[in-house]
């Protein structure tokens, strides 16, 4: 008896499933993510610290906060939060650059 091969077609909306690497493999991959994202976030942190001081000076002299600087810093806040949650196994959402960059909150006046 010949076994018939069933041809399963994948629709355009359906994505092929990723091979599962398991918890142990995911733990090893988190080390790579920790190193790469950690370097990026630390360089970004220096920029955020400098911009925070500049924003503070702008607020002292002009009385207005700079929305662009605040939004840029919020992206760093969000990505750092995702980084810590990912490394502590609270979440499986990978931080930047392994996922899209996003921010949690909006600029408040």
PDB file of N, CA and C in Angstrom:
ATOM      1  N   UNK A   1       0.826  -1.173   0.000  1.00  0.00           N
ATOM      2  CA  UNK A   1       0.000   0.000   0.000  1.00  0.00           C
ATOM      3  C   UNK A   1       0.875   1.243   0.000  1.00  0.00           C
ATOM      4  N   UNK A   2       0.601   2.067  -0.915  1.00  0.00           N
ATOM      5  CA  UNK A   2       1.351   3.310  -1.007  1.00  0.00           C
ATOM      6  C   UNK A   2       0.675   4.365  -0.149  1.00  0.00           C
ATOM      7  N   UNK A   3       1.491   5.082   0.587  1.00  0.00           N
ATOM      8  CA  UNK A   3       0.954   6.157   1.416  1.00  0.00           C
ATOM      9  C   UNK A   3       0.763   7.382   0.544  1.00  0.00           C
ATOM     10  N   UNK A   4      -0.368   7.979   0.674  1.00  0.00           N
ATOM     11  CA  UNK A   4      -0.618   9.180  -0.119  1.00  0.00           C
ATOM     12  C   UNK A   4      -0.120  10.395   0.645  1.00  0.00           C
ATOM     13  N   UNK A   5       0.528  11.255  -0.084  1.00  0.00           N
ATOM     14  CA  UNK A   5       1.046  12.481   0.521  1.00  0.00           C
ATOM     15  C   UNK A   5      -0.047  13.542   0.451  1.00  0.00           C
ATOM     16  N   UNK A   6      -0.345  14.102   1.570  1.00  0.00           N
ATOM     17  CA  UNK A   6      -1.336  15.174   1.567  1.00  0.00           C
ATOM     18  C   UNK A   6      -0.592  16.488   1.390  1.00  0.00           C
ATOM     19  N   UNK A   7      -1.009  17.226   0.435  1.00  0.00           N
ATOM     20  CA  UNK A   7      -0.349  18.512   0.180  1.00  0.00           C
ATOM     21  C   UNK A   7      -1.131  19.599   0.898  1.00  0.00           C
ATOM     22  N   UNK A   8      -0.501  20.163   1.882  1.00  0.00           N
ATOM     23  CA  UNK A   8      -1.120  21.234   2.650  1.00  0.00           C
ATOM     24  C   UNK A   8      -0.603  22.558   2.111  1.00  0.00           C
ATOM     25  N   UNK A   9      -1.515  23.344   1.618  1.00  0.00           N
ATOM     26  CA  UNK A   9      -1.138  24.646   1.080  1.00  0.00           C
ATOM     27  C   UNK A   9      -1.245  25.690   2.176  1.00  0.00           C
ATOM     28  N   UNK A  10      -0.285  26.590   2.175  1.00  0.00           N
ATOM     29  CA  UNK A  10      -0.278  27.677   3.146  1.00  0.00           C
ATOM     30  C   UNK A  10      -0.884  28.896   2.477  1.00  0.00           C
ATOM     31  N   UNK A  11      -1.897  29.453   3.120  1.00  0.00           N
ATOM     32  CA  UNK A  11      -2.524  30.640   2.555  1.00  0.00           C
ATOM     33  C   UNK A  11      -1.584  31.830   2.702  1.00  0.00           C
ATOM     34  N   UNK A  12      -1.912  32.907   2.025  1.00  0.00           N
ATOM     35  CA  UNK A  12      -1.062  34.098   2.061  1.00  0.00           C
ATOM     36  C   UNK A  12      -1.013  34.710   3.458  1.00  0.00           C
ATOM     37  N   UNK A  13      -2.107  34.615   4.202  1.00  0.00           N
ATOM     38  CA  UNK A  13      -2.161  35.194   5.540  1.00  0.00           C
ATOM     39  C   UNK A  13      -1.476  34.323   6.581  1.00  0.00           C
ATOM     40  N   UNK A  14      -1.372  33.044   6.314  1.00  0.00           N
ATOM     41  CA  UNK A  14      -0.810  32.100   7.268  1.00  0.00           C
ATOM     42  C   UNK A  14       0.702  32.036   7.101  1.00  0.00           C
ATOM     43  N   UNK A  15       1.407  32.196   8.205  1.00  0.00           N
ATOM     44  CA  UNK A  15       2.867  32.140   8.160  1.00  0.00           C
ATOM     45  C   UNK A  15       3.318  30.728   8.495  1.00  0.00           C
ATOM     46  N   UNK A  16       4.378  30.258   7.837  1.00  0.00           N
ATOM     47  CA  UNK A  16       4.887  28.942   8.212  1.00  0.00           C
ATOM     48  C   UNK A  16       5.411  28.982   9.642  1.00  0.00           C
ATOM     49  N   UNK A  17       5.202  27.917  10.372  1.00  0.00           N
ATOM     50  CA  UNK A  17       5.606  27.915  11.777  1.00  0.00           C
ATOM     51  C   UNK A  17       7.125  27.861  11.897  1.00  0.00           C
ATOM     52  N   UNK A  18       7.617  28.596  12.892  1.00  0.00           N
ATOM     53  CA  UNK A  18       9.055  28.621  13.150  1.00  0.00           C
ATOM     54  C   UNK A  18       9.428  27.345  13.891  1.00  0.00           C
ATOM     55  N   UNK A  19      10.619  26.844  13.651  1.00  0.00           N
ATOM     56  CA  UNK A  19      11.028  25.672  14.418  1.00  0.00           C
ATOM     57  C   UNK A  19      11.196  26.055  15.886  1.00  0.00           C
ATOM     58  N   UNK A  20      10.647  25.256  16.770  1.00  0.00           N
ATOM     59  CA  UNK A  20      10.730  25.547  18.200  1.00  0.00           C
ATOM     60  C   UNK A  20      12.078  25.078  18.720  1.00  0.00           C
ATOM     61  N   UNK A  21      12.751  25.965  19.443  1.00  0.00           N
ATOM     62  CA  UNK A  21      14.075  25.618  19.950  1.00  0.00           C
ATOM     63  C   UNK A  21      14.029  25.173  21.405  1.00  0.00           C
ATOM     64  N   UNK A  22      12.888  25.285  22.040  1.00  0.00           N
ATOM     65  CA  UNK A  22      12.751  24.837  23.417  1.00  0.00           C
ATOM     66  C   UNK A  22      13.263  25.861  24.413  1.00  0.00           C
ATOM     67  N   UNK A  23      12.972  25.590  25.665  1.00  0.00           N
ATOM     68  CA  UNK A  23      13.373  26.518  26.731  1.00  0.00           C
ATOM     69  C   UNK A  23      14.884  26.634  26.871  1.00  0.00           C
ATOM     70  N   UNK A  24      15.579  25.528  26.745  1.00  0.00           N
ATOM     71  CA  UNK A  24      17.037  25.564  26.891  1.00  0.00           C
ATOM     72  C   UNK A  24      17.670  26.363  25.750  1.00  0.00           C
ATOM     73  N   UNK A  25      17.213  26.131  24.536  1.00  0.00           N
ATOM     74  CA  UNK A  25      17.727  26.881  23.393  1.00  0.00           C
ATOM     75  C   UNK A  25      17.400  28.357  23.496  1.00  0.00           C
ATOM     76  N   UNK A  26      16.190  28.646  23.968  1.00  0.00           N
ATOM     77  CA  UNK A  26      15.787  30.041  24.154  1.00  0.00           C
ATOM     78  C   UNK A  26      16.656  30.710  25.218  1.00  0.00           C
ATOM     79  N   UNK A  27      17.007  29.980  26.253  1.00  0.00           N
ATOM     80  CA  UNK A  27      17.874  30.532  27.303  1.00  0.00           C
ATOM     81  C   UNK A  27      19.251  30.877  26.735  1.00  0.00           C
ATOM     82  N   UNK A  28      19.794  30.013  25.897  1.00  0.00           N
ATOM     83  CA  UNK A  28      21.087  30.303  25.259  1.00  0.00           C
ATOM     84  C   UNK A  28      20.976  31.498  24.324  1.00  0.00           C
ATOM     85  N   UNK A  29      19.855  31.601  23.604  1.00  0.00           N
ATOM     86  CA  UNK A  29      19.674  32.723  22.688  1.00  0.00           C
ATOM     87  C   UNK A  29      19.566  34.032  23.468  1.00  0.00           C
ATOM     88  N   UNK A  30      19.025  33.973  24.677  1.00  0.00           N
ATOM     89  CA  UNK A  30      18.915  35.181  25.501  1.00  0.00           C
ATOM     90  C   UNK A  30      20.289  35.750  25.839  1.00  0.00           C
ATOM     91  N   UNK A  31      21.298  34.910  25.895  1.00  0.00           N
ATOM     92  CA  UNK A  31      22.657  35.402  26.141  1.00  0.00           C
ATOM     93  C   UNK A  31      23.112  36.273  24.974  1.00  0.00           C
ATOM     94  N   UNK A  32      22.851  35.822  23.760  1.00  0.00           N
ATOM     95  CA  UNK A  32      23.206  36.600  22.563  1.00  0.00           C
ATOM     96  C   UNK A  32      22.440  37.917  22.555  1.00  0.00           C
ATOM     97  N   UNK A  33      21.140  37.843  22.844  1.00  0.00           N
ATOM     98  CA  UNK A  33      20.310  39.050  22.897  1.00  0.00           C
ATOM     99  C   UNK A  33      20.826  39.995  23.978  1.00  0.00           C
ATOM    100  N   UNK A  34      21.210  39.444  25.124  1.00  0.00           N
ATOM    101  CA  UNK A  34      21.710  40.269  26.227  1.00  0.00           C
ATOM    102  C   UNK A  34      22.955  41.042  25.819  1.00  0.00           C
ATOM    103  N   UNK A  35      23.848  40.394  25.122  1.00  0.00           N
ATOM    104  CA  UNK A  35      25.094  41.054  24.722  1.00  0.00           C
ATOM    105  C   UNK A  35      24.832  42.135  23.681  1.00  0.00           C
ATOM    106  N   UNK A  36      24.131  41.778  22.614  1.00  0.00           N
ATOM    107  CA  UNK A  36      23.907  42.732  21.514  1.00  0.00           C
ATOM    108  C   UNK A  36      23.021  43.888  21.960  1.00  0.00           C
ATOM    109  N   UNK A  37      21.869  43.576  22.552  1.00  0.00           N
ATOM    110  CA  UNK A  37      20.965  44.640  22.995  1.00  0.00           C
ATOM    111  C   UNK A  37      21.583  45.446  24.130  1.00  0.00           C
ATOM    112  N   UNK A  38      22.340  44.786  24.990  1.00  0.00           N
ATOM    113  CA  UNK A  38      22.992  45.487  26.096  1.00  0.00           C
ATOM    114  C   UNK A  38      23.963  46.547  25.620  1.00  0.00           C
ATOM    115  N   UNK A  39      24.749  46.218  24.610  1.00  0.00           N
ATOM    116  CA  UNK A  39      25.694  47.194  24.045  1.00  0.00           C
ATOM    117  C   UNK A  39      24.934  48.376  23.453  1.00  0.00           C
ATOM    118  N   UNK A  40      23.911  48.077  22.661  1.00  0.00           N
ATOM    119  CA  UNK A  40      23.125  49.142  22.022  1.00  0.00           C
ATOM    120  C   UNK A  40      22.457  50.024  23.075  1.00  0.00           C
ATOM    121  N   UNK A  41      21.830  49.405  24.079  1.00  0.00           N
ATOM    122  CA  UNK A  41      21.131  50.183  25.102  1.00  0.00           C
ATOM    123  C   UNK A  41      22.089  51.012  25.953  1.00  0.00           C
ATOM    124  N   UNK A  42      23.294  50.521  26.194  1.00  0.00           N
ATOM    125  CA  UNK A  42      24.260  51.305  26.978  1.00  0.00           C
ATOM    126  C   UNK A  42      24.776  52.514  26.218  1.00  0.00           C
ATOM    127  N   UNK A  43      25.012  52.368  24.922  1.00  0.00           N
ATOM    128  CA  UNK A  43      25.410  53.525  24.106  1.00  0.00           C
ATOM    129  C   UNK A  43      24.259  54.526  24.057  1.00  0.00           C
ATOM    130  N   UNK A  44      23.054  53.994  23.868  1.00  0.00           N
ATOM    131  CA  UNK A  44      21.854  54.819  23.821  1.00  0.00           C
ATOM    132  C   UNK A  44      21.654  55.540  25.155  1.00  0.00           C
ATOM    133  N   UNK A  45      21.988  54.883  26.271  1.00  0.00           N
ATOM    134  CA  UNK A  45      21.829  55.471  27.606  1.00  0.00           C
ATOM    135  C   UNK A  45      22.692  56.719  27.755  1.00  0.00           C
ATOM    136  N   UNK A  46      23.894  56.687  27.229  1.00  0.00           N
ATOM    137  CA  UNK A  46      24.778  57.855  27.303  1.00  0.00           C
ATOM    138  C   UNK A  46      24.140  59.028  26.561  1.00  0.00           C
ATOM    139  N   UNK A  47      23.599  58.753  25.386  1.00  0.00           N
ATOM    140  CA  UNK A  47      22.932  59.801  24.600  1.00  0.00           C
ATOM    141  C   UNK A  47      21.725  60.342  25.357  1.00  0.00           C
ATOM    142  N   UNK A  48      20.939  59.445  25.959  1.00  0.00           N
ATOM    143  CA  UNK A  48      19.756  59.858  26.719  1.00  0.00           C
ATOM    144  C   UNK A  48      20.153  60.725  27.916  1.00  0.00           C
ATOM    145  N   UNK A  49      21.227  60.380  28.595  1.00  0.00           N
ATOM    146  CA  UNK A  49      21.689  61.184  29.738  1.00  0.00           C
ATOM    147  C   UNK A  49      22.085  62.588  29.299  1.00  0.00           C
ATOM    148  N   UNK A  50      22.805  62.683  28.200  1.00  0.00           N
ATOM    149  CA  UNK A  50      23.207  63.991  27.670  1.00  0.00           C
ATOM    150  C   UNK A  50      21.977  64.796  27.264  1.00  0.00           C
ATOM    151  N   UNK A  51      21.043  64.146  26.560  1.00  0.00           N
ATOM    152  CA  UNK A  51      19.827  64.835  26.131  1.00  0.00           C
ATOM    153  C   UNK A  51      18.955  65.239  27.318  1.00  0.00           C
ATOM    154  N   UNK A  52      18.959  64.448  28.368  1.00  0.00           N
ATOM    155  CA  UNK A  52      18.180  64.794  29.564  1.00  0.00           C
ATOM    156  C   UNK A  52      18.708  66.072  30.204  1.00  0.00           C
ATOM    157  N   UNK A  53      20.018  66.192  30.279  1.00  0.00           N
ATOM    158  CA  UNK A  53      20.620  67.410  30.834  1.00  0.00           C
ATOM    159  C   UNK A  53      20.300  68.602  29.933  1.00  0.00           C
ATOM    160  N   UNK A  54      20.425  68.418  28.617  1.00  0.00           N
ATOM    161  CA  UNK A  54      20.087  69.502  27.685  1.00  0.00           C
ATOM    162  C   UNK A  54      18.620  69.895  27.808  1.00  0.00           C
ATOM    163  N   UNK A  55      17.747  68.911  27.937  1.00  0.00           N
ATOM    164  CA  UNK A  55      16.317  69.192  28.070  1.00  0.00           C
ATOM    165  C   UNK A  55      16.045  69.945  29.374  1.00  0.00           C
ATOM    166  N   UNK A  56      16.734  69.578  30.426  1.00  0.00           N
ATOM    167  CA  UNK A  56      16.580  70.271  31.694  1.00  0.00           C
ATOM    168  C   UNK A  56      16.987  71.743  31.554  1.00  0.00           C
ATOM    169  N   UNK A  57      18.098  71.986  30.863  1.00  0.00           N
ATOM    170  CA  UNK A  57      18.565  73.364  30.643  1.00  0.00           C
ATOM    171  C   UNK A  57      17.552  74.146  29.814  1.00  0.00           C
ATOM    172  N   UNK A  58      17.012  73.515  28.773  1.00  0.00           N
ATOM    173  CA  UNK A  58      16.002  74.170  27.933  1.00  0.00           C
ATOM    174  C   UNK A  58      14.780  74.539  28.767  1.00  0.00           C
ATOM    175  N   UNK A  59      14.342  73.638  29.627  1.00  0.00           N
ATOM    176  CA  UNK A  59      13.163  73.901  30.462  1.00  0.00           C
ATOM    177  C   UNK A  59      13.432  75.040  31.442  1.00  0.00           C
ATOM    178  N   UNK A  60      14.615  75.075  32.020  1.00  0.00           N
ATOM    179  CA  UNK A  60      14.951  76.128  32.985  1.00  0.00           C
ATOM    180  C   UNK A  60      14.914  77.500  32.320  1.00  0.00           C
ATOM    181  N   UNK A  61      15.437  77.604  31.101  1.00  0.00           N
ATOM    182  CA  UNK A  61      15.523  78.915  30.454  1.00  0.00           C
ATOM    183  C   UNK A  61      14.308  79.280  29.609  1.00  0.00           C
ATOM    184  N   UNK A  62      13.630  78.314  29.019  1.00  0.00           N
ATOM    185  CA  UNK A  62      12.496  78.645  28.155  1.00  0.00           C
ATOM    186  C   UNK A  62      11.145  78.356  28.800  1.00  0.00           C
ATOM    187  N   UNK A  63      11.128  77.517  29.799  1.00  0.00           N
ATOM    188  CA  UNK A  63       9.866  77.180  30.449  1.00  0.00           C
ATOM    189  C   UNK A  63       9.047  76.146  29.696  1.00  0.00           C
ATOM    190  N   UNK A  64       9.611  75.567  28.633  1.00  0.00           N
ATOM    191  CA  UNK A  64       8.895  74.561  27.839  1.00  0.00           C
ATOM    192  C   UNK A  64       9.758  73.318  27.690  1.00  0.00           C
ATOM    193  N   UNK A  65       9.094  72.171  27.780  1.00  0.00           N
ATOM    194  CA  UNK A  65       9.803  70.912  27.540  1.00  0.00           C
ATOM    195  C   UNK A  65       9.886  70.649  26.046  1.00  0.00           C
ATOM    196  N   UNK A  66      10.957  69.994  25.624  1.00  0.00           N
ATOM    197  CA  UNK A  66      11.136  69.632  24.222  1.00  0.00           C
ATOM    198  C   UNK A  66      10.482  68.275  23.987  1.00  0.00           C
ATOM    199  N   UNK A  67       9.438  68.263  23.180  1.00  0.00           N
ATOM    200  CA  UNK A  67       8.674  67.039  22.929  1.00  0.00           C
ATOM    201  C   UNK A  67       9.521  65.983  22.228  1.00  0.00           C
ATOM    202  N   UNK A  68      10.361  66.382  21.294  1.00  0.00           N
ATOM    203  CA  UNK A  68      11.203  65.440  20.551  1.00  0.00           C
ATOM    204  C   UNK A  68      12.186  64.703  21.451  1.00  0.00           C
ATOM    205  N   UNK A  69      12.833  65.445  22.348  1.00  0.00           N
ATOM    206  CA  UNK A  69      13.780  64.819  23.276  1.00  0.00           C
ATOM    207  C   UNK A  69      13.039  63.881  24.224  1.00  0.00           C
ATOM    208  N   UNK A  70      11.892  64.317  24.711  1.00  0.00           N
ATOM    209  CA  UNK A  70      11.110  63.480  25.629  1.00  0.00           C
ATOM    210  C   UNK A  70      10.672  62.182  24.947  1.00  0.00           C
ATOM    211  N   UNK A  71      10.227  62.270  23.710  1.00  0.00           N
ATOM    212  CA  UNK A  71       9.809  61.066  22.980  1.00  0.00           C
ATOM    213  C   UNK A  71      10.989  60.135  22.722  1.00  0.00           C
ATOM    214  N   UNK A  72      12.139  60.697  22.359  1.00  0.00           N
ATOM    215  CA  UNK A  72      13.335  59.882  22.130  1.00  0.00           C
ATOM    216  C   UNK A  72      13.728  59.136  23.402  1.00  0.00           C
ATOM    217  N   UNK A  73      13.671  59.830  24.526  1.00  0.00           N
ATOM    218  CA  UNK A  73      14.009  59.200  25.808  1.00  0.00           C
ATOM    219  C   UNK A  73      12.986  58.133  26.182  1.00  0.00           C
ATOM    220  N   UNK A  74      11.728  58.337  25.825  1.00  0.00           N
ATOM    221  CA  UNK A  74      10.698  57.342  26.130  1.00  0.00           C
ATOM    222  C   UNK A  74      10.917  56.057  25.341  1.00  0.00           C
ATOM    223  N   UNK A  75      11.425  56.158  24.119  1.00  0.00           N
ATOM    224  CA  UNK A  75      11.769  54.944  23.368  1.00  0.00           C
ATOM    225  C   UNK A  75      12.830  54.143  24.128  1.00  0.00           C
ATOM    226  N   UNK A  76      13.833  54.833  24.657  1.00  0.00           N
ATOM    227  CA  UNK A  76      14.875  54.147  25.429  1.00  0.00           C
ATOM    228  C   UNK A  76      14.283  53.508  26.689  1.00  0.00           C
ATOM    229  N   UNK A  77      13.400  54.246  27.372  1.00  0.00           N
ATOM    230  CA  UNK A  77      12.753  53.699  28.572  1.00  0.00           C
ATOM    231  C   UNK A  77      12.014  52.406  28.257  1.00  0.00           C
ATOM    232  N   UNK A  78      11.245  52.422  27.182  1.00  0.00           N
ATOM    233  CA  UNK A  78      10.455  51.252  26.799  1.00  0.00           C
ATOM    234  C   UNK A  78      11.349  50.079  26.432  1.00  0.00           C
ATOM    235  N   UNK A  79      12.372  50.330  25.632  1.00  0.00           N
ATOM    236  CA  UNK A  79      13.246  49.238  25.205  1.00  0.00           C
ATOM    237  C   UNK A  79      14.058  48.674  26.371  1.00  0.00           C
ATOM    238  N   UNK A  80      14.452  49.521  27.307  1.00  0.00           N
ATOM    239  CA  UNK A  80      15.154  49.031  28.494  1.00  0.00           C
ATOM    240  C   UNK A  80      14.221  48.167  29.341  1.00  0.00           C
ATOM    241  N   UNK A  81      12.979  48.582  29.457  1.00  0.00           N
ATOM    242  CA  UNK A  81      11.974  47.807  30.190  1.00  0.00           C
ATOM    243  C   UNK A  81      11.775  46.435  29.533  1.00  0.00           C
ATOM    244  N   UNK A  82      11.646  46.418  28.207  1.00  0.00           N
ATOM    245  CA  UNK A  82      11.489  45.144  27.484  1.00  0.00           C
ATOM    246  C   UNK A  82      12.726  44.265  27.658  1.00  0.00           C
ATOM    247  N   UNK A  83      13.907  44.877  27.661  1.00  0.00           N
ATOM    248  CA  UNK A  83      15.179  44.158  27.822  1.00  0.00           C
ATOM    249  C   UNK A  83      15.226  43.442  29.171  1.00  0.00           C
ATOM    250  N   UNK A  84      14.889  44.163  30.234  1.00  0.00           N
ATOM    251  CA  UNK A  84      14.911  43.571  31.578  1.00  0.00           C
ATOM    252  C   UNK A  84      13.866  42.460  31.687  1.00  0.00           C
ATOM    253  N   UNK A  85      12.667  42.688  31.162  1.00  0.00           N
ATOM    254  CA  UNK A  85      11.612  41.664  31.218  1.00  0.00           C
ATOM    255  C   UNK A  85      12.020  40.420  30.438  1.00  0.00           C
ATOM    256  N   UNK A  86      12.691  40.605  29.310  1.00  0.00           N
ATOM    257  CA  UNK A  86      13.108  39.465  28.490  1.00  0.00           C
ATOM    258  C   UNK A  86      14.206  38.665  29.184  1.00  0.00           C
ATOM    259  N   UNK A  87      15.186  39.352  29.741  1.00  0.00           N
ATOM    260  CA  UNK A  87      16.306  38.655  30.376  1.00  0.00           C
ATOM    261  C   UNK A  87      15.915  37.935  31.661  1.00  0.00           C
ATOM    262  N   UNK A  88      14.869  38.403  32.320  1.00  0.00           N
ATOM    263  CA  UNK A  88      14.421  37.764  33.555  1.00  0.00           C
ATOM    264  C   UNK A  88      13.308  36.749  33.311  1.00  0.00           C
ATOM    265  N   UNK A  89      13.077  36.406  32.046  1.00  0.00           N
ATOM    266  CA  UNK A  89      12.090  35.400  31.635  1.00  0.00           C
ATOM    267  C   UNK A  89      10.654  35.776  31.997  1.00  0.00           C
ATOM    268  N   UNK A  90      10.381  37.048  32.203  1.00  0.00           N
ATOM    269  CA  UNK A  90       9.016  37.495  32.459  1.00  0.00           C
ATOM    270  C   UNK A  90       8.239  37.539  31.150  1.00  0.00           C
ATOM    271  N   UNK A  91       8.944  37.852  30.063  1.00  0.00           N
ATOM    272  CA  UNK A  91       8.313  37.999  28.758  1.00  0.00           C
ATOM    273  C   UNK A  91       9.172  37.323  27.693  1.00  0.00           C
ATOM    274  N   UNK A  92       8.538  36.933  26.610  1.00  0.00           N
ATOM    275  CA  UNK A  92       9.276  36.401  25.467  1.00  0.00           C
ATOM    276  C   UNK A  92       9.404  37.429  24.349  1.00  0.00           C
ATOM    277  N   UNK A  93       8.970  38.658  24.605  1.00  0.00           N
ATOM    278  CA  UNK A  93       9.089  39.725  23.612  1.00  0.00           C
ATOM    279  C   UNK A  93      10.525  40.230  23.616  1.00  0.00           C
ATOM    280  N   UNK A  94      11.200  40.031  22.501  1.00  0.00           N
ATOM    281  CA  UNK A  94      12.614  40.413  22.411  1.00  0.00           C
ATOM    282  C   UNK A  94      12.763  41.923  22.257  1.00  0.00           C
ATOM    283  N   UNK A  95      13.819  42.479  22.848  1.00  0.00           N
ATOM    284  CA  UNK A  95      14.049  43.920  22.738  1.00  0.00           C
ATOM    285  C   UNK A  95      14.687  44.283  21.397  1.00  0.00           C
ATOM    286  N   UNK A  96      14.791  45.591  21.153  1.00  0.00           N
ATOM    287  CA  UNK A  96      15.460  46.108  19.969  1.00  0.00           C
ATOM    288  C   UNK A  96      16.905  45.623  19.980  1.00  0.00           C
ATOM    289  N   UNK A  97      17.481  45.213  18.915  1.00  0.00           N
ATOM    290  CA  UNK A  97      17.122  45.220  17.504  1.00  0.00           C
ATOM    291  C   UNK A  97      16.458  43.925  17.027  1.00  0.00           C
ATOM    292  N   UNK A  98      16.021  43.088  17.952  1.00  0.00           N
ATOM    293  CA  UNK A  98      15.406  41.821  17.575  1.00  0.00           C
ATOM    294  C   UNK A  98      13.894  41.936  17.408  1.00  0.00           C
ATOM    295  N   UNK A  99      13.343  43.107  17.659  1.00  0.00           N
ATOM    296  CA  UNK A  99      11.926  43.381  17.426  1.00  0.00           C
ATOM    297  C   UNK A  99      11.798  44.852  17.053  1.00  0.00           C
ATOM    298  N   UNK A 100      10.599  45.221  16.650  1.00  0.00           N
ATOM    299  CA  UNK A 100      10.371  46.615  16.284  1.00  0.00           C
ATOM    300  C   UNK A 100      10.493  47.503  17.513  1.00  0.00           C
ATOM    301  N   UNK A 101      10.987  48.700  17.271  1.00  0.00           N
ATOM    302  CA  UNK A 101      11.129  49.662  18.354  1.00  0.00           C
ATOM    303  C   UNK A 101       9.752  50.261  18.636  1.00  0.00           C
ATOM    304  N   UNK A 102       9.457  50.467  19.909  1.00  0.00           N
ATOM    305  CA  UNK A 102       8.162  51.016  20.285  1.00  0.00           C
ATOM    306  C   UNK A 102       8.304  51.791  21.580  1.00  0.00           C
ATOM    307  N   UNK A 103       7.245  52.485  21.937  1.00  0.00           N
ATOM    308  CA  UNK A 103       7.233  53.171  23.230  1.00  0.00           C
ATOM    309  C   UNK A 103       5.903  52.888  23.916  1.00  0.00           C
ATOM    310  N   UNK A 104       5.950  52.832  25.228  1.00  0.00           N
ATOM    311  CA  UNK A 104       4.769  52.480  26.008  1.00  0.00           C
ATOM    312  C   UNK A 104       3.856  53.677  26.208  1.00  0.00           C
ATOM    313  N   UNK A 105       4.414  54.798  26.614  1.00  0.00           N
ATOM    314  CA  UNK A 105       3.574  55.953  26.928  1.00  0.00           C
ATOM    315  C   UNK A 105       3.820  57.093  25.945  1.00  0.00           C
ATOM    316  N   UNK A 106       2.928  58.045  25.980  1.00  0.00           N
ATOM    317  CA  UNK A 106       3.000  59.209  25.107  1.00  0.00           C
ATOM    318  C   UNK A 106       3.505  60.413  25.897  1.00  0.00           C
ATOM    319  N   UNK A 107       3.967  61.410  25.174  1.00  0.00           N
ATOM    320  CA  UNK A 107       4.433  62.659  25.779  1.00  0.00           C
ATOM    321  C   UNK A 107       3.254  63.368  26.435  1.00  0.00           C
ATOM    322  N   UNK A 108       3.432  63.767  27.682  1.00  0.00           N
ATOM    323  CA  UNK A 108       2.400  64.516  28.393  1.00  0.00           C
ATOM    324  C   UNK A 108       2.883  65.935  28.595  1.00  0.00           C
ATOM    325  N   UNK A 109       1.991  66.867  28.396  1.00  0.00           N
ATOM    326  CA  UNK A 109       2.370  68.270  28.528  1.00  0.00           C
ATOM    327  C   UNK A 109       2.287  68.735  29.933  1.00  0.00           C
TER     328      UNK A 109
END
